[in-house]
Amino acid sequence: MPDQGGFTGIGVRMPQYFFRIRNGRYSGMSNNGIEAPDACAAWTEMTRVCSELVGSIARRLKSNSEWQMEMLDEAQRPLFRIRLVAETITDGVAGSQEGLALHAAGPTIPDDDDQTVAAFK
């Protein structure tokens, strides 16, 4: 169906959703929203955009910091949030640049056989 300026074929306007990015104390929100038929479609678009960004974000993420992407509704209330958190786990490592070992502890995720596997080892 061709773009009809946010209106569906039956004349009903699709809701708008907005992205907000937070990185530490900095926060920014998109001025131009995206149109999606429902929250499920907005979630799908959010995960697509996040997947394009997360590699470069992770490479620049500092220890003990957090990056967030939120999807807001038309009233600019958060609907969804994806967080990327970097934590220093080992004592004494945070202040030392030499010999710094990266320790990543990720969530467990179900695989296709409903087994759990460690996301990072």
PDB file of N, CA and C in Angstrom:
ATOM      1  N   MET A   1       0.857  -1.178   0.000  1.00  0.00           N
ATOM      2  CA  MET A   1       0.000   0.000   0.000  1.00  0.00           C
ATOM      3  C   MET A   1       0.898   1.234   0.000  1.00  0.00           C
ATOM      4  N   PRO A   2       0.657   2.214  -0.858  1.00  0.00           N
ATOM      5  CA  PRO A   2       1.477   3.428  -0.883  1.00  0.00           C
ATOM      6  C   PRO A   2       1.313   4.242   0.396  1.00  0.00           C
ATOM      7  N   ASP A   3       2.337   5.045   0.683  1.00  0.00           N
ATOM      8  CA  ASP A   3       2.293   5.901   1.867  1.00  0.00           C
ATOM      9  C   ASP A   3       1.147   6.901   1.752  1.00  0.00           C
ATOM     10  N   GLN A   4       0.308   6.948   2.768  1.00  0.00           N
ATOM     11  CA  GLN A   4      -0.843   7.841   2.767  1.00  0.00           C
ATOM     12  C   GLN A   4      -0.762   8.834   3.921  1.00  0.00           C
ATOM     13  N   GLY A   5       0.462   9.187   4.304  1.00  0.00           N
ATOM     14  CA  GLY A   5       0.643  10.218   5.324  1.00  0.00           C
ATOM     15  C   GLY A   5       0.115   9.834   6.689  1.00  0.00           C
ATOM     16  N   GLY A   6       0.279   8.559   7.077  1.00  0.00           N
ATOM     17  CA  GLY A   6      -0.136   8.132   8.405  1.00  0.00           C
ATOM     18  C   GLY A   6      -1.558   7.627   8.477  1.00  0.00           C
ATOM     19  N   PHE A   7      -2.256   7.601   7.362  1.00  0.00           N
ATOM     20  CA  PHE A   7      -3.627   7.114   7.367  1.00  0.00           C
ATOM     21  C   PHE A   7      -3.690   5.738   6.730  1.00  0.00           C
ATOM     22  N   THR A   8      -4.476   4.858   7.324  1.00  0.00           N
ATOM     23  CA  THR A   8      -4.671   3.544   6.746  1.00  0.00           C
ATOM     24  C   THR A   8      -5.668   3.657   5.613  1.00  0.00           C
ATOM     25  N   GLY A   9      -5.905   2.571   4.932  1.00  0.00           N
ATOM     26  CA  GLY A   9      -6.823   2.573   3.809  1.00  0.00           C
ATOM     27  C   GLY A   9      -8.243   2.949   4.183  1.00  0.00           C
ATOM     28  N   ILE A  10      -8.608   2.841   5.456  1.00  0.00           N
ATOM     29  CA  ILE A  10      -9.972   3.170   5.861  1.00  0.00           C
ATOM     30  C   ILE A  10     -10.054   4.546   6.515  1.00  0.00           C
ATOM     31  N   GLY A  11      -8.998   5.355   6.399  1.00  0.00           N
ATOM     32  CA  GLY A  11      -9.036   6.725   6.887  1.00  0.00           C
ATOM     33  C   GLY A  11      -8.721   6.908   8.357  1.00  0.00           C
ATOM     34  N   VAL A  12      -8.179   5.910   8.996  1.00  0.00           N
ATOM     35  CA  VAL A  12      -7.805   6.016  10.406  1.00  0.00           C
ATOM     36  C   VAL A  12      -6.308   6.288  10.486  1.00  0.00           C
ATOM     37  N   ARG A  13      -5.932   7.325  11.233  1.00  0.00           N
ATOM     38  CA  ARG A  13      -4.522   7.692  11.377  1.00  0.00           C
ATOM     39  C   ARG A  13      -3.791   6.673  12.247  1.00  0.00           C
ATOM     40  N   MET A  14      -2.598   6.270  11.786  1.00  0.00           N
ATOM     41  CA  MET A  14      -1.785   5.354  12.579  1.00  0.00           C
ATOM     42  C   MET A  14      -1.117   6.131  13.701  1.00  0.00           C
ATOM     43  N   PRO A  15      -0.926   5.494  14.847  1.00  0.00           N
ATOM     44  CA  PRO A  15      -0.254   6.176  15.959  1.00  0.00           C
ATOM     45  C   PRO A  15       1.218   6.441  15.647  1.00  0.00           C
ATOM     46  N   GLN A  16       1.759   7.477  16.263  1.00  0.00           N
ATOM     47  CA  GLN A  16       3.170   7.804  16.139  1.00  0.00           C
ATOM     48  C   GLN A  16       3.906   7.347  17.389  1.00  0.00           C
ATOM     49  N   TYR A  17       5.141   6.924  17.179  1.00  0.00           N
ATOM     50  CA  TYR A  17       6.019   6.490  18.254  1.00  0.00           C
ATOM     51  C   TYR A  17       7.339   7.234  18.096  1.00  0.00           C
ATOM     52  N   PHE A  18       8.011   7.480  19.224  1.00  0.00           N
ATOM     53  CA  PHE A  18       9.238   8.268  19.231  1.00  0.00           C
ATOM     54  C   PHE A  18      10.344   7.485  19.928  1.00  0.00           C
ATOM     55  N   PHE A  19      11.574   7.675  19.450  1.00  0.00           N
ATOM     56  CA  PHE A  19      12.752   7.086  20.087  1.00  0.00           C
ATOM     57  C   PHE A  19      13.357   8.093  21.052  1.00  0.00           C
ATOM     58  N   ARG A  20      13.842   7.583  22.190  1.00  0.00           N
ATOM     59  CA  ARG A  20      14.640   8.399  23.101  1.00  0.00           C
ATOM     60  C   ARG A  20      15.886   7.587  23.441  1.00  0.00           C
ATOM     61  N   ILE A  21      17.032   8.219  23.333  1.00  0.00           N
ATOM     62  CA  ILE A  21      18.316   7.586  23.652  1.00  0.00           C
ATOM     63  C   ILE A  21      18.875   8.257  24.894  1.00  0.00           C
ATOM     64  N   ARG A  22      19.361   7.429  25.810  1.00  0.00           N
ATOM     65  CA  ARG A  22      20.041   7.932  27.010  1.00  0.00           C
ATOM     66  C   ARG A  22      21.400   7.281  27.088  1.00  0.00           C
ATOM     67  N   ASN A  23      22.400   8.103  27.367  1.00  0.00           N
ATOM     68  CA  ASN A  23      23.750   7.607  27.545  1.00  0.00           C
ATOM     69  C   ASN A  23      24.324   8.337  28.747  1.00  0.00           C
ATOM     70  N   GLY A  24      24.320   7.656  29.893  1.00  0.00           N
ATOM     71  CA  GLY A  24      24.742   8.313  31.123  1.00  0.00           C
ATOM     72  C   GLY A  24      23.769   9.422  31.472  1.00  0.00           C
ATOM     73  N   ARG A  25      24.284  10.618  31.658  1.00  0.00           N
ATOM     74  CA  ARG A  25      23.414  11.737  32.028  1.00  0.00           C
ATOM     75  C   ARG A  25      22.844  12.463  30.814  1.00  0.00           C
ATOM     76  N   TYR A  26      23.241  12.046  29.601  1.00  0.00           N
ATOM     77  CA  TYR A  26      22.766  12.687  28.379  1.00  0.00           C
ATOM     78  C   TYR A  26      21.538  11.963  27.845  1.00  0.00           C
ATOM     79  N   SER A  27      20.586  12.732  27.344  1.00  0.00           N
ATOM     80  CA  SER A  27      19.355  12.156  26.820  1.00  0.00           C
ATOM     81  C   SER A  27      18.898  12.975  25.622  1.00  0.00           C
ATOM     82  N   GLY A  28      18.364  12.279  24.622  1.00  0.00           N
ATOM     83  CA  GLY A  28      17.830  12.966  23.460  1.00  0.00           C
ATOM     84  C   GLY A  28      16.657  12.196  22.885  1.00  0.00           C
ATOM     85  N   MET A  29      15.671  12.922  22.371  1.00  0.00           N
ATOM     86  CA  MET A  29      14.482  12.299  21.803  1.00  0.00           C
ATOM     87  C   MET A  29      14.322  12.751  20.359  1.00  0.00           C
ATOM     88  N   SER A  30      13.853  11.842  19.520  1.00  0.00           N
ATOM     89  CA  SER A  30      13.610  12.209  18.126  1.00  0.00           C
ATOM     90  C   SER A  30      12.429  13.168  18.048  1.00  0.00           C
ATOM     91  N   ASN A  31      12.541  14.156  17.190  1.00  0.00           N
ATOM     92  CA  ASN A  31      11.447  15.097  16.979  1.00  0.00           C
ATOM     93  C   ASN A  31      10.403  14.541  16.023  1.00  0.00           C
ATOM     94  N   ASN A  32      10.856  13.719  15.102  1.00  0.00           N
ATOM     95  CA  ASN A  32       9.961  13.118  14.123  1.00  0.00           C
ATOM     96  C   ASN A  32       9.670  11.689  14.535  1.00  0.00           C
ATOM     97  N   GLY A  33       8.413  11.405  14.753  1.00  0.00           N
ATOM     98  CA  GLY A  33       8.027  10.062  15.152  1.00  0.00           C
ATOM     99  C   GLY A  33       7.947   9.129  13.967  1.00  0.00           C
ATOM    100  N   ILE A  34       7.847   7.856  14.275  1.00  0.00           N
ATOM    101  CA  ILE A  34       7.589   6.858  13.247  1.00  0.00           C
ATOM    102  C   ILE A  34       6.124   6.465  13.358  1.00  0.00           C
ATOM    103  N   GLU A  35       5.543   6.049  12.270  1.00  0.00           N
ATOM    104  CA  GLU A  35       4.168   5.584  12.280  1.00  0.00           C
ATOM    105  C   GLU A  35       4.178   4.072  12.242  1.00  0.00           C
ATOM    106  N   ALA A  36       3.368   3.483  13.089  1.00  0.00           N
ATOM    107  CA  ALA A  36       3.243   2.030  13.135  1.00  0.00           C
ATOM    108  C   ALA A  36       1.797   1.695  13.468  1.00  0.00           C
ATOM    109  N   PRO A  37       1.296   0.595  12.940  1.00  0.00           N
ATOM    110  CA  PRO A  37      -0.098   0.254  13.176  1.00  0.00           C
ATOM    111  C   PRO A  37      -0.421  -0.064  14.635  1.00  0.00           C
ATOM    112  N   ASP A  38       0.593  -0.564  15.381  1.00  0.00           N
ATOM    113  CA  ASP A  38       0.351  -0.916  16.780  1.00  0.00           C
ATOM    114  C   ASP A  38       1.679  -1.003  17.526  1.00  0.00           C
ATOM    115  N   ALA A  39       1.597  -1.254  18.823  1.00  0.00           N
ATOM    116  CA  ALA A  39       2.793  -1.311  19.666  1.00  0.00           C
ATOM    117  C   ALA A  39       3.706  -2.475  19.272  1.00  0.00           C
ATOM    118  N   CYS A  40       3.137  -3.566  18.812  1.00  0.00           N
ATOM    119  CA  CYS A  40       3.948  -4.710  18.385  1.00  0.00           C
ATOM    120  C   CYS A  40       4.834  -4.320  17.197  1.00  0.00           C
ATOM    121  N   ALA A  41       4.273  -3.614  16.236  1.00  0.00           N
ATOM    122  CA  ALA A  41       5.049  -3.151  15.088  1.00  0.00           C
ATOM    123  C   ALA A  41       6.096  -2.127  15.519  1.00  0.00           C
ATOM    124  N   ALA A  42       5.765  -1.290  16.491  1.00  0.00           N
ATOM    125  CA  ALA A  42       6.724  -0.314  17.010  1.00  0.00           C
ATOM    126  C   ALA A  42       7.898  -1.031  17.684  1.00  0.00           C
ATOM    127  N   TRP A  43       7.616  -2.094  18.440  1.00  0.00           N
ATOM    128  CA  TRP A  43       8.668  -2.899  19.077  1.00  0.00           C
ATOM    129  C   TRP A  43       9.590  -3.501  18.015  1.00  0.00           C
ATOM    130  N   THR A  44       9.008  -4.033  16.955  1.00  0.00           N
ATOM    131  CA  THR A  44       9.798  -4.622  15.878  1.00  0.00           C
ATOM    132  C   THR A  44      10.728  -3.592  15.262  1.00  0.00           C
ATOM    133  N   GLU A  45      10.236  -2.387  15.019  1.00  0.00           N
ATOM    134  CA  GLU A  45      11.065  -1.327  14.457  1.00  0.00           C
ATOM    135  C   GLU A  45      12.147  -0.906  15.449  1.00  0.00           C
ATOM    136  N   MET A  46      11.809  -0.847  16.722  1.00  0.00           N
ATOM    137  CA  MET A  46      12.787  -0.472  17.742  1.00  0.00           C
ATOM    138  C   MET A  46      13.936  -1.478  17.786  1.00  0.00           C
ATOM    139  N   THR A  47      13.627  -2.759  17.769  1.00  0.00           N
ATOM    140  CA  THR A  47      14.683  -3.774  17.822  1.00  0.00           C
ATOM    141  C   THR A  47      15.523  -3.758  16.543  1.00  0.00           C
ATOM    142  N   ARG A  48      14.917  -3.437  15.403  1.00  0.00           N
ATOM    143  CA  ARG A  48      15.671  -3.335  14.150  1.00  0.00           C
ATOM    144  C   ARG A  48      16.665  -2.186  14.230  1.00  0.00           C
ATOM    145  N   VAL A  49      16.205  -1.027  14.664  1.00  0.00           N
ATOM    146  CA  VAL A  49      17.079   0.145  14.776  1.00  0.00           C
ATOM    147  C   VAL A  49      18.169  -0.104  15.821  1.00  0.00           C
ATOM    148  N   CYS A  50      17.797  -0.673  16.947  1.00  0.00           N
ATOM    149  CA  CYS A  50      18.772  -0.948  18.013  1.00  0.00           C
ATOM    150  C   CYS A  50      19.856  -1.908  17.520  1.00  0.00           C
ATOM    151  N   SER A  51      19.475  -2.915  16.746  1.00  0.00           N
ATOM    152  CA  SER A  51      20.461  -3.875  16.248  1.00  0.00           C
ATOM    153  C   SER A  51      21.480  -3.203  15.336  1.00  0.00           C
ATOM    154  N   GLU A  52      21.070  -2.155  14.629  1.00  0.00           N
ATOM    155  CA  GLU A  52      21.996  -1.416  13.775  1.00  0.00           C
ATOM    156  C   GLU A  52      22.957  -0.545  14.583  1.00  0.00           C
ATOM    157  N   LEU A  53      22.557  -0.137  15.776  1.00  0.00           N
ATOM    158  CA  LEU A  53      23.358   0.772  16.599  1.00  0.00           C
ATOM    159  C   LEU A  53      24.243   0.078  17.628  1.00  0.00           C
ATOM    160  N   VAL A  54      23.824  -1.077  18.123  1.00  0.00           N
ATOM    161  CA  VAL A  54      24.430  -1.635  19.333  1.00  0.00           C
ATOM    162  C   VAL A  54      25.919  -1.981  19.179  1.00  0.00           C
ATOM    163  N   GLY A  55      26.363  -2.377  18.008  1.00  0.00           N
ATOM    164  CA  GLY A  55      27.784  -2.693  17.832  1.00  0.00           C
ATOM    165  C   GLY A  55      28.668  -1.489  18.084  1.00  0.00           C
ATOM    166  N   SER A  56      28.333  -0.364  17.469  1.00  0.00           N
ATOM    167  CA  SER A  56      29.157   0.833  17.658  1.00  0.00           C
ATOM    168  C   SER A  56      29.003   1.391  19.073  1.00  0.00           C
ATOM    169  N   ILE A  57      27.818   1.262  19.660  1.00  0.00           N
ATOM    170  CA  ILE A  57      27.610   1.723  21.042  1.00  0.00           C
ATOM    171  C   ILE A  57      28.464   0.889  21.994  1.00  0.00           C
ATOM    172  N   ALA A  58      28.447  -0.421  21.839  1.00  0.00           N
ATOM    173  CA  ALA A  58      29.194  -1.310  22.740  1.00  0.00           C
ATOM    174  C   ALA A  58      30.697  -1.056  22.656  1.00  0.00           C
ATOM    175  N   ARG A  59      31.199  -0.759  21.463  1.00  0.00           N
ATOM    176  CA  ARG A  59      32.641  -0.492  21.315  1.00  0.00           C
ATOM    177  C   ARG A  59      33.066   0.774  22.037  1.00  0.00           C
ATOM    178  N   ARG A  60      32.154   1.725  22.236  1.00  0.00           N
ATOM    179  CA  ARG A  60      32.495   2.999  22.895  1.00  0.00           C
ATOM    180  C   ARG A  60      32.010   3.065  24.336  1.00  0.00           C
ATOM    181  N   LEU A  61      31.296   2.065  24.810  1.00  0.00           N
ATOM    182  CA  LEU A  61      30.733   2.081  26.159  1.00  0.00           C
ATOM    183  C   LEU A  61      31.850   1.991  27.196  1.00  0.00           C
ATOM    184  N   LYS A  62      31.804   2.866  28.149  1.00  0.00           N
ATOM    185  CA  LYS A  62      32.800   2.871  29.228  1.00  0.00           C
ATOM    186  C   LYS A  62      32.337   1.932  30.343  1.00  0.00           C
ATOM    187  N   SER A  63      33.288   1.460  31.123  1.00  0.00           N
ATOM    188  CA  SER A  63      32.968   0.596  32.252  1.00  0.00           C
ATOM    189  C   SER A  63      32.067   1.334  33.243  1.00  0.00           C
ATOM    190  N   ASN A  64      31.167   0.616  33.835  1.00  0.00           N
ATOM    191  CA  ASN A  64      30.224   1.157  34.816  1.00  0.00           C
ATOM    192  C   ASN A  64      29.360   2.276  34.235  1.00  0.00           C
ATOM    193  N   SER A  65      28.849   2.043  33.058  1.00  0.00           N
ATOM    194  CA  SER A  65      27.948   2.999  32.423  1.00  0.00           C
ATOM    195  C   SER A  65      26.773   2.255  31.791  1.00  0.00           C
ATOM    196  N   GLU A  66      25.811   3.020  31.328  1.00  0.00           N
ATOM    197  CA  GLU A  66      24.605   2.430  30.766  1.00  0.00           C
ATOM    198  C   GLU A  66      24.138   3.237  29.564  1.00  0.00           C
ATOM    199  N   TRP A  67      23.657   2.536  28.537  1.00  0.00           N
ATOM    200  CA  TRP A  67      23.048   3.127  27.355  1.00  0.00           C
ATOM    201  C   TRP A  67      21.631   2.572  27.263  1.00  0.00           C
ATOM    202  N   GLN A  68      20.670   3.437  26.938  1.00  0.00           N
ATOM    203  CA  GLN A  68      19.267   3.004  26.833  1.00  0.00           C
ATOM    204  C   GLN A  68      18.634   3.547  25.564  1.00  0.00           C
ATOM    205  N   MET A  69      17.757   2.745  25.003  1.00  0.00           N
ATOM    206  CA  MET A  69      16.888   3.202  23.928  1.00  0.00           C
ATOM    207  C   MET A  69      15.462   2.934  24.389  1.00  0.00           C
ATOM    208  N   GLU A  70      14.623   3.960  24.301  1.00  0.00           N
ATOM    209  CA  GLU A  70      13.220   3.813  24.677  1.00  0.00           C
ATOM    210  C   GLU A  70      12.333   4.112  23.481  1.00  0.00           C
ATOM    211  N   MET A  71      11.186   3.462  23.455  1.00  0.00           N
ATOM    212  CA  MET A  71      10.134   3.768  22.497  1.00  0.00           C
ATOM    213  C   MET A  71       9.024   4.432  23.289  1.00  0.00           C
ATOM    214  N   LEU A  72       8.649   5.650  22.866  1.00  0.00           N
ATOM    215  CA  LEU A  72       7.612   6.422  23.544  1.00  0.00           C
ATOM    216  C   LEU A  72       6.353   6.437  22.691  1.00  0.00           C
ATOM    217  N   ASP A  73       5.202   6.522  23.355  1.00  0.00           N
ATOM    218  CA  ASP A  73       3.947   6.644  22.620  1.00  0.00           C
ATOM    219  C   ASP A  73       3.705   8.103  22.231  1.00  0.00           C
ATOM    220  N   GLU A  74       2.535   8.393  21.659  1.00  0.00           N
ATOM    221  CA  GLU A  74       2.248   9.753  21.198  1.00  0.00           C
ATOM    222  C   GLU A  74       2.254  10.781  22.321  1.00  0.00           C
ATOM    223  N   ALA A  75       1.918  10.353  23.529  1.00  0.00           N
ATOM    224  CA  ALA A  75       1.946  11.243  24.687  1.00  0.00           C
ATOM    225  C   ALA A  75       3.349  11.310  25.304  1.00  0.00           C
ATOM    226  N   GLN A  76       4.322  10.684  24.625  1.00  0.00           N
ATOM    227  CA  GLN A  76       5.724  10.626  25.037  1.00  0.00           C
ATOM    228  C   GLN A  76       5.915   9.897  26.360  1.00  0.00           C
ATOM    229  N   ARG A  77       5.082   8.883  26.583  1.00  0.00           N
ATOM    230  CA  ARG A  77       5.241   7.971  27.723  1.00  0.00           C
ATOM    231  C   ARG A  77       6.012   6.740  27.249  1.00  0.00           C
ATOM    232  N   PRO A  78       6.983   6.273  28.028  1.00  0.00           N
ATOM    233  CA  PRO A  78       7.760   5.100  27.610  1.00  0.00           C
ATOM    234  C   PRO A  78       6.885   3.847  27.506  1.00  0.00           C
ATOM    235  N   LEU A  79       7.066   3.121  26.404  1.00  0.00           N
ATOM    236  CA  LEU A  79       6.402   1.833  26.214  1.00  0.00           C
ATOM    237  C   LEU A  79       7.387   0.683  26.357  1.00  0.00           C
ATOM    238  N   PHE A  80       8.567   0.854  25.764  1.00  0.00           N
ATOM    239  CA  PHE A  80       9.593  -0.192  25.758  1.00  0.00           C
ATOM    240  C   PHE A  80      10.941   0.442  26.041  1.00  0.00           C
ATOM    241  N   ARG A  81      11.841  -0.379  26.600  1.00  0.00           N
ATOM    242  CA  ARG A  81      13.200   0.090  26.871  1.00  0.00           C
ATOM    243  C   ARG A  81      14.165  -1.055  26.626  1.00  0.00           C
ATOM    244  N   ILE A  82      15.241  -0.764  25.931  1.00  0.00           N
ATOM    245  CA  ILE A  82      16.350  -1.701  25.769  1.00  0.00           C
ATOM    246  C   ILE A  82      17.549  -1.066  26.436  1.00  0.00           C
ATOM    247  N   ARG A  83      18.224  -1.815  27.319  1.00  0.00           N
ATOM    248  CA  ARG A  83      19.360  -1.286  28.065  1.00  0.00           C
ATOM    249  C   ARG A  83      20.613  -2.090  27.767  1.00  0.00           C
ATOM    250  N   LEU A  84      21.718  -1.402  27.647  1.00  0.00           N
ATOM    251  CA  LEU A  84      23.029  -2.012  27.528  1.00  0.00           C
ATOM    252  C   LEU A  84      23.840  -1.488  28.701  1.00  0.00           C
ATOM    253  N   VAL A  85      24.234  -2.395  29.597  1.00  0.00           N
ATOM    254  CA  VAL A  85      24.902  -2.008  30.843  1.00  0.00           C
ATOM    255  C   VAL A  85      26.302  -2.604  30.868  1.00  0.00           C
ATOM    256  N   ALA A  86      27.277  -1.776  31.186  1.00  0.00           N
ATOM    257  CA  ALA A  86      28.660  -2.219  31.357  1.00  0.00           C
ATOM    258  C   ALA A  86      29.022  -2.087  32.821  1.00  0.00           C
ATOM    259  N   GLU A  87      29.445  -3.182  33.431  1.00  0.00           N
ATOM    260  CA  GLU A  87      29.791  -3.182  34.852  1.00  0.00           C
ATOM    261  C   GLU A  87      31.171  -3.792  35.057  1.00  0.00           C
ATOM    262  N   THR A  88      31.940  -3.181  35.932  1.00  0.00           N
ATOM    263  CA  THR A  88      33.203  -3.774  36.355  1.00  0.00           C
ATOM    264  C   THR A  88      32.886  -4.698  37.524  1.00  0.00           C
ATOM    265  N   ILE A  89      33.167  -5.961  37.362  1.00  0.00           N
ATOM    266  CA  ILE A  89      32.820  -6.968  38.364  1.00  0.00           C
ATOM    267  C   ILE A  89      33.958  -7.188  39.361  1.00  0.00           C
ATOM    268  N   THR A  90      35.199  -7.195  38.893  1.00  0.00           N
ATOM    269  CA  THR A  90      36.346  -7.527  39.719  1.00  0.00           C
ATOM    270  C   THR A  90      36.844  -6.305  40.481  1.00  0.00           C
ATOM    271  N   ASP A  91      37.050  -6.436  41.795  1.00  0.00           N
ATOM    272  CA  ASP A  91      37.580  -5.349  42.616  1.00  0.00           C
ATOM    273  C   ASP A  91      38.991  -4.998  42.167  1.00  0.00           C
ATOM    274  N   GLY A  92      39.328  -3.719  42.222  1.00  0.00           N
ATOM    275  CA  GLY A  92      40.675  -3.267  41.923  1.00  0.00           C
ATOM    276  C   GLY A  92      40.967  -3.072  40.447  1.00  0.00           C
ATOM    277  N   VAL A  93      40.060  -3.464  39.572  1.00  0.00           N
ATOM    278  CA  VAL A  93      40.315  -3.353  38.140  1.00  0.00           C
ATOM    279  C   VAL A  93      39.902  -1.994  37.610  1.00  0.00           C
ATOM    280  N   ALA A  94      38.913  -1.366  38.213  1.00  0.00           N
ATOM    281  CA  ALA A  94      38.320  -0.149  37.653  1.00  0.00           C
ATOM    282  C   ALA A  94      39.327   0.974  37.452  1.00  0.00           C
ATOM    283  N   GLY A  95      40.311   1.140  38.345  1.00  0.00           N
ATOM    284  CA  GLY A  95      41.240   2.246  38.220  1.00  0.00           C
ATOM    285  C   GLY A  95      42.466   1.938  37.394  1.00  0.00           C
ATOM    286  N   SER A  96      42.661   0.719  36.997  1.00  0.00           N
ATOM    287  CA  SER A  96      43.875   0.324  36.296  1.00  0.00           C
ATOM    288  C   SER A  96      43.613   0.103  34.816  1.00  0.00           C
ATOM    289  N   GLN A  97      44.373   0.792  33.961  1.00  0.00           N
ATOM    290  CA  GLN A  97      44.255   0.578  32.524  1.00  0.00           C
ATOM    291  C   GLN A  97      45.147  -0.576  32.084  1.00  0.00           C
ATOM    292  N   GLU A  98      46.287  -0.771  32.757  1.00  0.00           N
ATOM    293  CA  GLU A  98      47.192  -1.854  32.395  1.00  0.00           C
ATOM    294  C   GLU A  98      46.642  -3.163  32.932  1.00  0.00           C
ATOM    295  N   GLY A  99      46.659  -4.159  32.092  1.00  0.00           N
ATOM    296  CA  GLY A  99      46.222  -5.479  32.512  1.00  0.00           C
ATOM    297  C   GLY A  99      44.725  -5.567  32.748  1.00  0.00           C
ATOM    298  N   LEU A 100      43.986  -4.618  32.228  1.00  0.00           N
ATOM    299  CA  LEU A 100      42.541  -4.622  32.422  1.00  0.00           C
ATOM    300  C   LEU A 100      41.938  -5.804  31.674  1.00  0.00           C
ATOM    301  N   ALA A 101      41.264  -6.648  32.402  1.00  0.00           N
ATOM    302  CA  ALA A 101      40.593  -7.795  31.789  1.00  0.00           C
ATOM    303  C   ALA A 101      39.120  -7.481  31.693  1.00  0.00           C
ATOM    304  N   LEU A 102      38.559  -7.722  30.556  1.00  0.00           N
ATOM    305  CA  LEU A 102      37.134  -7.475  30.360  1.00  0.00           C
ATOM    306  C   LEU A 102      36.372  -8.698  30.830  1.00  0.00           C
ATOM    307  N   HIS A 103      35.471  -8.482  31.772  1.00  0.00           N
ATOM    308  CA  HIS A 103      34.622  -9.549  32.272  1.00  0.00           C
ATOM    309  C   HIS A 103      33.203  -9.227  31.852  1.00  0.00           C
ATOM    310  N   ALA A 104      32.618 -10.095  31.093  1.00  0.00           N
ATOM    311  CA  ALA A 104      31.242  -9.866  30.648  1.00  0.00           C
ATOM    312  C   ALA A 104      30.371 -10.979  31.193  1.00  0.00           C
ATOM    313  N   ALA A 105      29.338 -10.585  31.873  1.00  0.00           N
ATOM    314  CA  ALA A 105      28.377 -11.558  32.366  1.00  0.00           C
ATOM    315  C   ALA A 105      27.050 -11.229  31.707  1.00  0.00           C
ATOM    316  N   GLY A 106      26.596 -12.104  30.851  1.00  0.00           N
ATOM    317  CA  GLY A 106      25.370 -11.835  30.112  1.00  0.00           C
ATOM    318  C   GLY A 106      24.218 -12.662  30.632  1.00  0.00           C
ATOM    319  N   PRO A 107      23.045 -12.336  30.173  1.00  0.00           N
ATOM    320  CA  PRO A 107      21.868 -13.090  30.583  1.00  0.00           C
ATOM    321  C   PRO A 107      21.851 -14.462  29.933  1.00  0.00           C
ATOM    322  N   THR A 108      21.072 -15.353  30.463  1.00  0.00           N
ATOM    323  CA  THR A 108      20.875 -16.616  29.781  1.00  0.00           C
ATOM    324  C   THR A 108      19.681 -16.467  28.865  1.00  0.00           C
ATOM    325  N   ILE A 109      19.793 -17.092  27.715  1.00  0.00           N
ATOM    326  CA  ILE A 109      18.722 -16.987  26.740  1.00  0.00           C
ATOM    327  C   ILE A 109      18.317 -18.385  26.297  1.00  0.00           C
ATOM    328  N   PRO A 110      17.029 -18.613  26.045  1.00  0.00           N
ATOM    329  CA  PRO A 110      16.625 -19.942  25.595  1.00  0.00           C
ATOM    330  C   PRO A 110      17.047 -20.158  24.156  1.00  0.00           C
ATOM    331  N   ASP A 111      17.524 -21.401  23.862  1.00  0.00           N
ATOM    332  CA  ASP A 111      17.825 -21.683  22.466  1.00  0.00           C
ATOM    333  C   ASP A 111      16.628 -22.393  21.855  1.00  0.00           C
ATOM    334  N   ASP A 112      16.779 -22.908  20.662  1.00  0.00           N
ATOM    335  CA  ASP A 112      15.649 -23.512  19.957  1.00  0.00           C
ATOM    336  C   ASP A 112      15.083 -24.738  20.662  1.00  0.00           C
ATOM    337  N   ASP A 113      15.891 -25.412  21.498  1.00  0.00           N
ATOM    338  CA  ASP A 113      15.438 -26.609  22.202  1.00  0.00           C
ATOM    339  C   ASP A 113      14.951 -26.295  23.609  1.00  0.00           C
ATOM    340  N   ASP A 114      14.629 -25.022  23.907  1.00  0.00           N
ATOM    341  CA  ASP A 114      14.217 -24.570  25.219  1.00  0.00           C
ATOM    342  C   ASP A 114      15.237 -24.868  26.302  1.00  0.00           C
ATOM    343  N   GLN A 115      16.508 -25.040  25.909  1.00  0.00           N
ATOM    344  CA  GLN A 115      17.606 -25.146  26.846  1.00  0.00           C
ATOM    345  C   GLN A 115      18.078 -23.734  27.107  1.00  0.00           C
ATOM    346  N   THR A 116      18.805 -23.511  28.168  1.00  0.00           N
ATOM    347  CA  THR A 116      19.379 -22.196  28.376  1.00  0.00           C
ATOM    348  C   THR A 116      20.854 -22.249  28.078  1.00  0.00           C
ATOM    349  N   VAL A 117      21.341 -21.215  27.440  1.00  0.00           N
ATOM    350  CA  VAL A 117      22.758 -21.121  27.124  1.00  0.00           C
ATOM    351  C   VAL A 117      23.256 -19.779  27.584  1.00  0.00           C
ATOM    352  N   ALA A 118      24.481 -19.717  27.989  1.00  0.00           N
ATOM    353  CA  ALA A 118      25.050 -18.450  28.429  1.00  0.00           C
ATOM    354  C   ALA A 118      25.285 -17.581  27.210  1.00  0.00           C
ATOM    355  N   ALA A 119      24.882 -16.334  27.300  1.00  0.00           N
ATOM    356  CA  ALA A 119      25.048 -15.410  26.190  1.00  0.00           C
ATOM    357  C   ALA A 119      26.526 -15.065  26.004  1.00  0.00           C
ATOM    358  N   PHE A 120      27.281 -15.028  27.076  1.00  0.00           N
ATOM    359  CA  PHE A 120      28.712 -14.748  27.016  1.00  0.00           C
ATOM    360  C   PHE A 120      29.419 -15.769  27.877  1.00  0.00           C
ATOM    361  N   LYS A 121      30.521 -16.283  27.425  1.00  0.00           N
ATOM    362  CA  LYS A 121      31.337 -17.211  28.226  1.00  0.00           C
ATOM    363  C   LYS A 121      32.750 -16.734  28.246  1.00  0.00           C
TER     364      LYS A 121
END
